[in-house]
Structures are given as structure tokens and as C-alpha cells.
């Protein structure tokens, strides 16, 4: 397994994380547009105010299925 961890904002992370959440939660429980826009708004707001001295944002590129399914961008904020 190849795993790369980035700290702080990475270009494209807001859109990709929103997309992953939207696809997963739509398939799992049928969430739609209101959920997707909320994820995008809240994550974008977090990134806008992100301060590396007081906030934490870790992005992990999970490449275990990269060859067949593409890599997945994961995030955790604390």
C-alpha cells in the first residue's frame, strides 16, 4: 500500500473530498444536493480559516486500489 500524508491545504482537496462524501453517502443512504452543498460549504469554510498554528488538517492519499479504482483523498481535522 502506498500512502502519502500532506498537512494543510492541497489544491483540489475541497472538491475531491466533497465528491467522495457525496458519492459515498448518496449510495449508502440516498443523501443528495443539500448534503453535498453542506459538506462543500463547511470544508471550504474550514480551509478558509485554517491556521497551521492552531488547527490541524491532514490529507492522506490512499493508493491501495489506485490501479483499478483510482486513489482516494481522505481528510481529518482536529
PDB file of N, CA and C in Angstrom:
ATOM      1  N   UNK A   1       0.845  -1.178   0.000  1.00  0.00           N
ATOM      2  CA  UNK A   1       0.000   0.000   0.000  1.00  0.00           C
ATOM      3  C   UNK A   1       0.885   1.234   0.000  1.00  0.00           C
ATOM      4  N   UNK A   2       0.530   2.185  -0.823  1.00  0.00           N
ATOM      5  CA  UNK A   2       1.253   3.455  -0.873  1.00  0.00           C
ATOM      6  C   UNK A   2       0.387   4.510  -0.205  1.00  0.00           C
ATOM      7  N   UNK A   3       0.929   5.203   0.773  1.00  0.00           N
ATOM      8  CA  UNK A   3       0.196   6.237   1.484  1.00  0.00           C
ATOM      9  C   UNK A   3       1.072   7.467   1.590  1.00  0.00           C
ATOM     10  N   UNK A   4       0.528   8.598   1.179  1.00  0.00           N
ATOM     11  CA  UNK A   4       1.237   9.865   1.268  1.00  0.00           C
ATOM     12  C   UNK A   4       0.391  10.810   2.104  1.00  0.00           C
ATOM     13  N   UNK A   5       0.962  11.401   3.149  1.00  0.00           N
ATOM     14  CA  UNK A   5       0.219  12.306   4.014  1.00  0.00           C
ATOM     15  C   UNK A   5       0.723  13.728   3.799  1.00  0.00           C
ATOM     16  N   UNK A   6      -0.217  14.625   3.546  1.00  0.00           N
ATOM     17  CA  UNK A   6       0.083  16.039   3.374  1.00  0.00           C
ATOM     18  C   UNK A   6      -0.563  16.795   4.529  1.00  0.00           C
ATOM     19  N   UNK A   7       0.084  17.819   5.021  1.00  0.00           N
ATOM     20  CA  UNK A   7      -0.535  18.660   6.041  1.00  0.00           C
ATOM     21  C   UNK A   7      -0.957  19.966   5.402  1.00  0.00           C
ATOM     22  N   UNK A   8      -2.103  20.487   5.835  1.00  0.00           N
ATOM     23  CA  UNK A   8      -2.605  21.732   5.290  1.00  0.00           C
ATOM     24  C   UNK A   8      -3.295  21.546   3.958  1.00  0.00           C
ATOM     25  N   UNK A   9      -3.674  22.648   3.373  1.00  0.00           N
ATOM     26  CA  UNK A   9      -4.414  22.657   2.113  1.00  0.00           C
ATOM     27  C   UNK A   9      -3.595  22.080   0.972  1.00  0.00           C
ATOM     28  N   UNK A  10      -4.237  21.299   0.148  1.00  0.00           N
ATOM     29  CA  UNK A  10      -3.658  20.772  -1.088  1.00  0.00           C
ATOM     30  C   UNK A  10      -4.618  21.148  -2.211  1.00  0.00           C
ATOM     31  N   UNK A  11      -4.146  21.750  -3.312  1.00  0.00           N
ATOM     32  CA  UNK A  11      -5.049  22.149  -4.388  1.00  0.00           C
ATOM     33  C   UNK A  11      -5.960  20.997  -4.830  1.00  0.00           C
ATOM     34  N   UNK A  12      -7.246  21.298  -4.905  1.00  0.00           N
ATOM     35  CA  UNK A  12      -8.235  20.319  -5.332  1.00  0.00           C
ATOM     36  C   UNK A  12      -8.872  19.530  -4.209  1.00  0.00           C
ATOM     37  N   UNK A  13      -8.359  19.664  -2.981  1.00  0.00           N
ATOM     38  CA  UNK A  13      -8.857  18.828  -1.884  1.00  0.00           C
ATOM     39  C   UNK A  13     -10.310  19.120  -1.529  1.00  0.00           C
ATOM     40  N   UNK A  14     -10.744  20.364  -1.627  1.00  0.00           N
ATOM     41  CA  UNK A  14     -12.128  20.697  -1.269  1.00  0.00           C
ATOM     42  C   UNK A  14     -13.100  19.994  -2.223  1.00  0.00           C
ATOM     43  N   UNK A  15     -12.841  20.104  -3.506  1.00  0.00           N
ATOM     44  CA  UNK A  15     -13.711  19.466  -4.493  1.00  0.00           C
ATOM     45  C   UNK A  15     -13.681  17.955  -4.416  1.00  0.00           C
ATOM     46  N   UNK A  16     -12.491  17.397  -4.246  1.00  0.00           N
ATOM     47  CA  UNK A  16     -12.364  15.928  -4.243  1.00  0.00           C
ATOM     48  C   UNK A  16     -13.011  15.323  -3.007  1.00  0.00           C
ATOM     49  N   UNK A  17     -12.792  15.919  -1.848  1.00  0.00           N
ATOM     50  CA  UNK A  17     -13.385  15.400  -0.616  1.00  0.00           C
ATOM     51  C   UNK A  17     -14.903  15.537  -0.672  1.00  0.00           C
ATOM     52  N   UNK A  18     -15.380  16.654  -1.182  1.00  0.00           N
ATOM     53  CA  UNK A  18     -16.825  16.834  -1.340  1.00  0.00           C
ATOM     54  C   UNK A  18     -17.388  15.756  -2.260  1.00  0.00           C
ATOM     55  N   UNK A  19     -16.719  15.510  -3.363  1.00  0.00           N
ATOM     56  CA  UNK A  19     -17.172  14.487  -4.318  1.00  0.00           C
ATOM     57  C   UNK A  19     -17.219  13.107  -3.668  1.00  0.00           C
ATOM     58  N   UNK A  20     -16.163  12.739  -2.958  1.00  0.00           N
ATOM     59  CA  UNK A  20     -16.129  11.425  -2.321  1.00  0.00           C
ATOM     60  C   UNK A  20     -17.243  11.273  -1.289  1.00  0.00           C
ATOM     61  N   UNK A  21     -17.437  12.292  -0.466  1.00  0.00           N
ATOM     62  CA  UNK A  21     -18.518  12.251   0.524  1.00  0.00           C
ATOM     63  C   UNK A  21     -19.880  12.118  -0.160  1.00  0.00           C
ATOM     64  N   UNK A  22     -20.090  12.903  -1.200  1.00  0.00           N
ATOM     65  CA  UNK A  22     -21.379  12.907  -1.890  1.00  0.00           C
ATOM     66  C   UNK A  22     -21.686  11.547  -2.510  1.00  0.00           C
ATOM     67  N   UNK A  23     -20.711  10.971  -3.204  1.00  0.00           N
ATOM     68  CA  UNK A  23     -20.927   9.652  -3.824  1.00  0.00           C
ATOM     69  C   UNK A  23     -21.189   8.577  -2.769  1.00  0.00           C
ATOM     70  N   UNK A  24     -20.373   8.563  -1.742  1.00  0.00           N
ATOM     71  CA  UNK A  24     -20.495   7.530  -0.705  1.00  0.00           C
ATOM     72  C   UNK A  24     -21.843   7.629   0.017  1.00  0.00           C
ATOM     73  N   UNK A  25     -22.190   8.816   0.464  1.00  0.00           N
ATOM     74  CA  UNK A  25     -23.422   8.985   1.253  1.00  0.00           C
ATOM     75  C   UNK A  25     -24.676   8.876   0.399  1.00  0.00           C
ATOM     76  N   UNK A  26     -24.588   9.201  -0.878  1.00  0.00           N
ATOM     77  CA  UNK A  26     -25.735   9.004  -1.762  1.00  0.00           C
ATOM     78  C   UNK A  26     -25.993   7.512  -1.945  1.00  0.00           C
ATOM     79  N   UNK A  27     -24.936   6.754  -2.192  1.00  0.00           N
ATOM     80  CA  UNK A  27     -25.095   5.306  -2.370  1.00  0.00           C
ATOM     81  C   UNK A  27     -25.529   4.624  -1.074  1.00  0.00           C
ATOM     82  N   UNK A  28     -25.022   5.096   0.051  1.00  0.00           N
ATOM     83  CA  UNK A  28     -25.307   4.454   1.334  1.00  0.00           C
ATOM     84  C   UNK A  28     -26.713   4.752   1.840  1.00  0.00           C
ATOM     85  N   UNK A  29     -27.096   6.036   1.841  1.00  0.00           N
ATOM     86  CA  UNK A  29     -28.378   6.419   2.454  1.00  0.00           C
ATOM     87  C   UNK A  29     -29.219   7.365   1.603  1.00  0.00           C
ATOM     88  N   UNK A  30     -28.791   7.651   0.385  1.00  0.00           N
ATOM     89  CA  UNK A  30     -29.589   8.476  -0.505  1.00  0.00           C
ATOM     90  C   UNK A  30     -29.458   9.978  -0.322  1.00  0.00           C
ATOM     91  N   UNK A  31     -28.436  10.438   0.417  1.00  0.00           N
ATOM     92  CA  UNK A  31     -28.248  11.875   0.573  1.00  0.00           C
ATOM     93  C   UNK A  31     -28.025  12.507  -0.797  1.00  0.00           C
ATOM     94  N   UNK A  32     -28.487  13.737  -0.968  1.00  0.00           N
ATOM     95  CA  UNK A  32     -28.378  14.416  -2.250  1.00  0.00           C
ATOM     96  C   UNK A  32     -27.774  15.794  -2.136  1.00  0.00           C
ATOM     97  N   UNK A  33     -28.341  16.710  -2.907  1.00  0.00           N
ATOM     98  CA  UNK A  33     -27.803  18.058  -3.037  1.00  0.00           C
ATOM     99  C   UNK A  33     -27.619  18.796  -1.715  1.00  0.00           C
ATOM    100  N   UNK A  34     -28.608  18.790  -0.798  1.00  0.00           N
ATOM    101  CA  UNK A  34     -28.395  19.519   0.463  1.00  0.00           C
ATOM    102  C   UNK A  34     -27.171  19.026   1.237  1.00  0.00           C
ATOM    103  N   UNK A  35     -26.940  17.720   1.241  1.00  0.00           N
ATOM    104  CA  UNK A  35     -25.777  17.165   1.938  1.00  0.00           C
ATOM    105  C   UNK A  35     -24.482  17.591   1.254  1.00  0.00           C
ATOM    106  N   UNK A  36     -24.451  17.464  -0.065  1.00  0.00           N
ATOM    107  CA  UNK A  36     -23.227  17.810  -0.796  1.00  0.00           C
ATOM    108  C   UNK A  36     -22.857  19.274  -0.621  1.00  0.00           C
ATOM    109  N   UNK A  37     -23.850  20.166  -0.697  1.00  0.00           N
ATOM    110  CA  UNK A  37     -23.542  21.582  -0.541  1.00  0.00           C
ATOM    111  C   UNK A  37     -23.095  21.897   0.885  1.00  0.00           C
ATOM    112  N   UNK A  38     -23.653  21.189   1.868  1.00  0.00           N
ATOM    113  CA  UNK A  38     -23.217  21.405   3.252  1.00  0.00           C
ATOM    114  C   UNK A  38     -21.772  20.975   3.454  1.00  0.00           C
ATOM    115  N   UNK A  39     -21.411  19.797   2.926  1.00  0.00           N
ATOM    116  CA  UNK A  39     -20.020  19.332   3.040  1.00  0.00           C
ATOM    117  C   UNK A  39     -19.082  20.338   2.386  1.00  0.00           C
ATOM    118  N   UNK A  40     -19.419  20.778   1.186  1.00  0.00           N
ATOM    119  CA  UNK A  40     -18.563  21.731   0.465  1.00  0.00           C
ATOM    120  C   UNK A  40     -18.422  23.037   1.230  1.00  0.00           C
ATOM    121  N   UNK A  41     -19.547  23.553   1.725  1.00  0.00           N
ATOM    122  CA  UNK A  41     -19.533  24.827   2.465  1.00  0.00           C
ATOM    123  C   UNK A  41     -18.689  24.728   3.727  1.00  0.00           C
ATOM    124  N   UNK A  42     -18.941  23.662   4.525  1.00  0.00           N
ATOM    125  CA  UNK A  42     -18.250  23.548   5.807  1.00  0.00           C
ATOM    126  C   UNK A  42     -16.757  23.272   5.639  1.00  0.00           C
ATOM    127  N   UNK A  43     -16.403  22.426   4.679  1.00  0.00           N
ATOM    128  CA  UNK A  43     -14.978  22.146   4.477  1.00  0.00           C
ATOM    129  C   UNK A  43     -14.266  23.355   3.889  1.00  0.00           C
ATOM    130  N   UNK A  44     -14.929  24.065   2.956  1.00  0.00           N
ATOM    131  CA  UNK A  44     -14.331  25.278   2.391  1.00  0.00           C
ATOM    132  C   UNK A  44     -14.150  26.340   3.468  1.00  0.00           C
ATOM    133  N   UNK A  45     -15.131  26.478   4.359  1.00  0.00           N
ATOM    134  CA  UNK A  45     -15.014  27.452   5.452  1.00  0.00           C
ATOM    135  C   UNK A  45     -13.850  27.095   6.367  1.00  0.00           C
ATOM    136  N   UNK A  46     -13.704  25.804   6.653  1.00  0.00           N
ATOM    137  CA  UNK A  46     -12.575  25.377   7.478  1.00  0.00           C
ATOM    138  C   UNK A  46     -11.249  25.724   6.784  1.00  0.00           C
ATOM    139  N   UNK A  47     -11.144  25.416   5.503  1.00  0.00           N
ATOM    140  CA  UNK A  47      -9.903  25.709   4.770  1.00  0.00           C
ATOM    141  C   UNK A  47      -9.634  27.209   4.709  1.00  0.00           C
ATOM    142  N   UNK A  48     -10.690  28.018   4.580  1.00  0.00           N
ATOM    143  CA  UNK A  48     -10.535  29.474   4.550  1.00  0.00           C
ATOM    144  C   UNK A  48      -9.925  30.011   5.846  1.00  0.00           C
ATOM    145  N   UNK A  49     -10.325  29.453   6.965  1.00  0.00           N
ATOM    146  CA  UNK A  49      -9.852  29.961   8.250  1.00  0.00           C
ATOM    147  C   UNK A  49      -8.688  29.141   8.820  1.00  0.00           C
ATOM    148  N   UNK A  50      -8.234  28.148   8.087  1.00  0.00           N
ATOM    149  CA  UNK A  50      -7.174  27.259   8.562  1.00  0.00           C
ATOM    150  C   UNK A  50      -5.927  28.036   8.972  1.00  0.00           C
ATOM    151  N   UNK A  51      -5.462  27.773  10.159  1.00  0.00           N
ATOM    152  CA  UNK A  51      -4.238  28.374  10.680  1.00  0.00           C
ATOM    153  C   UNK A  51      -3.365  27.232  11.196  1.00  0.00           C
ATOM    154  N   UNK A  52      -2.224  26.982  10.568  1.00  0.00           N
ATOM    155  CA  UNK A  52      -1.396  25.846  10.967  1.00  0.00           C
ATOM    156  C   UNK A  52      -0.884  25.929  12.406  1.00  0.00           C
ATOM    157  N   UNK A  53      -0.954  27.109  13.013  1.00  0.00           N
ATOM    158  CA  UNK A  53      -0.508  27.240  14.401  1.00  0.00           C
ATOM    159  C   UNK A  53      -1.568  26.760  15.396  1.00  0.00           C
ATOM    160  N   UNK A  54      -2.831  26.790  14.988  1.00  0.00           N
ATOM    161  CA  UNK A  54      -3.910  26.407  15.916  1.00  0.00           C
ATOM    162  C   UNK A  54      -4.804  25.290  15.394  1.00  0.00           C
ATOM    163  N   UNK A  55      -4.750  24.999  14.104  1.00  0.00           N
ATOM    164  CA  UNK A  55      -5.611  23.981  13.503  1.00  0.00           C
ATOM    165  C   UNK A  55      -4.772  22.839  12.957  1.00  0.00           C
ATOM    166  N   UNK A  56      -5.434  21.740  12.721  1.00  0.00           N
ATOM    167  CA  UNK A  56      -4.783  20.604  12.089  1.00  0.00           C
ATOM    168  C   UNK A  56      -5.607  20.123  10.916  1.00  0.00           C
ATOM    169  N   UNK A  57      -4.966  19.871   9.815  1.00  0.00           N
ATOM    170  CA  UNK A  57      -5.614  19.287   8.642  1.00  0.00           C
ATOM    171  C   UNK A  57      -4.621  18.318   8.025  1.00  0.00           C
ATOM    172  N   UNK A  58      -5.015  17.059   7.986  1.00  0.00           N
ATOM    173  CA  UNK A  58      -4.155  16.027   7.419  1.00  0.00           C
ATOM    174  C   UNK A  58      -4.888  15.369   6.276  1.00  0.00           C
ATOM    175  N   UNK A  59      -4.268  15.337   5.125  1.00  0.00           N
ATOM    176  CA  UNK A  59      -4.841  14.718   3.945  1.00  0.00           C
ATOM    177  C   UNK A  59      -4.003  13.499   3.605  1.00  0.00           C
ATOM    178  N   UNK A  60      -4.665  12.390   3.459  1.00  0.00           N
ATOM    179  CA  UNK A  60      -3.965  11.148   3.124  1.00  0.00           C
ATOM    180  C   UNK A  60      -4.421  10.682   1.755  1.00  0.00           C
ATOM    181  N   UNK A  61      -3.475  10.387   0.904  1.00  0.00           N
ATOM    182  CA  UNK A  61      -3.779   9.811  -0.388  1.00  0.00           C
ATOM    183  C   UNK A  61      -3.667   8.301  -0.223  1.00  0.00           C
ATOM    184  N   UNK A  62      -4.818   7.644  -0.278  1.00  0.00           N
ATOM    185  CA  UNK A  62      -4.888   6.193  -0.094  1.00  0.00           C
ATOM    186  C   UNK A  62      -4.805   5.542  -1.463  1.00  0.00           C
ATOM    187  N   UNK A  63      -3.680   4.928  -1.760  1.00  0.00           N
ATOM    188  CA  UNK A  63      -3.454   4.373  -3.085  1.00  0.00           C
ATOM    189  C   UNK A  63      -3.581   2.872  -3.180  1.00  0.00           C
ATOM    190  N   UNK A  64      -4.237   2.231  -2.203  1.00  0.00           N
ATOM    191  CA  UNK A  64      -4.313   0.771  -2.208  1.00  0.00           C
ATOM    192  C   UNK A  64      -5.008   0.222  -3.455  1.00  0.00           C
ATOM    193  N   UNK A  65      -6.008   0.935  -3.962  1.00  0.00           N
ATOM    194  CA  UNK A  65      -6.723   0.484  -5.158  1.00  0.00           C
ATOM    195  C   UNK A  65      -6.499   1.431  -6.338  1.00  0.00           C
ATOM    196  N   UNK A  66      -5.405   2.138  -6.316  1.00  0.00           N
ATOM    197  CA  UNK A  66      -5.159   3.174  -7.325  1.00  0.00           C
ATOM    198  C   UNK A  66      -5.166   2.612  -8.749  1.00  0.00           C
ATOM    199  N   UNK A  67      -4.603   1.443  -8.949  1.00  0.00           N
ATOM    200  CA  UNK A  67      -4.516   0.887 -10.303  1.00  0.00           C
ATOM    201  C   UNK A  67      -5.885   0.556 -10.880  1.00  0.00           C
ATOM    202  N   UNK A  68      -6.795   0.080 -10.052  1.00  0.00           N
ATOM    203  CA  UNK A  68      -8.097  -0.341 -10.574  1.00  0.00           C
ATOM    204  C   UNK A  68      -9.215   0.675 -10.333  1.00  0.00           C
ATOM    205  N   UNK A  69      -9.138   1.441  -9.246  1.00  0.00           N
ATOM    206  CA  UNK A  69     -10.239   2.325  -8.885  1.00  0.00           C
ATOM    207  C   UNK A  69      -9.826   3.782  -8.711  1.00  0.00           C
ATOM    208  N   UNK A  70      -8.550   4.065  -8.795  1.00  0.00           N
ATOM    209  CA  UNK A  70      -8.059   5.415  -8.537  1.00  0.00           C
ATOM    210  C   UNK A  70      -7.761   5.578  -7.057  1.00  0.00           C
ATOM    211  N   UNK A  71      -7.001   6.590  -6.734  1.00  0.00           N
ATOM    212  CA  UNK A  71      -6.644   6.861  -5.343  1.00  0.00           C
ATOM    213  C   UNK A  71      -7.771   7.618  -4.660  1.00  0.00           C
ATOM    214  N   UNK A  72      -7.822   7.537  -3.354  1.00  0.00           N
ATOM    215  CA  UNK A  72      -8.824   8.235  -2.569  1.00  0.00           C
ATOM    216  C   UNK A  72      -8.134   9.261  -1.678  1.00  0.00           C
ATOM    217  N   UNK A  73      -8.693  10.447  -1.641  1.00  0.00           N
ATOM    218  CA  UNK A  73      -8.192  11.510  -0.778  1.00  0.00           C
ATOM    219  C   UNK A  73      -9.027  11.514   0.488  1.00  0.00           C
ATOM    220  N   UNK A  74      -8.388  11.326   1.626  1.00  0.00           N
ATOM    221  CA  UNK A  74      -9.071  11.289   2.917  1.00  0.00           C
ATOM    222  C   UNK A  74      -8.661  12.506   3.714  1.00  0.00           C
ATOM    223  N   UNK A  75      -9.502  12.951   4.651  1.00  0.00           N
ATOM    224  CA  UNK A  75      -9.117  14.089   5.479  1.00  0.00           C
ATOM    225  C   UNK A  75      -9.590  13.905   6.893  1.00  0.00           C
ATOM    226  N   UNK A  76      -8.867  14.538   7.775  1.00  0.00           N
ATOM    227  CA  UNK A  76      -9.186  14.553   9.191  1.00  0.00           C
ATOM    228  C   UNK A  76      -8.835  15.943   9.693  1.00  0.00           C
ATOM    229  N   UNK A  77      -9.752  16.554  10.405  1.00  0.00           N
ATOM    230  CA  UNK A  77      -9.404  17.840  11.020  1.00  0.00           C
ATOM    231  C   UNK A  77      -9.614  17.716  12.509  1.00  0.00           C
ATOM    232  N   UNK A  78      -8.817  18.414  13.226  1.00  0.00           N
ATOM    233  CA  UNK A  78      -8.822  18.327  14.683  1.00  0.00           C
ATOM    234  C   UNK A  78      -8.892  19.713  15.259  1.00  0.00           C
TER     235      UNK A  78
END
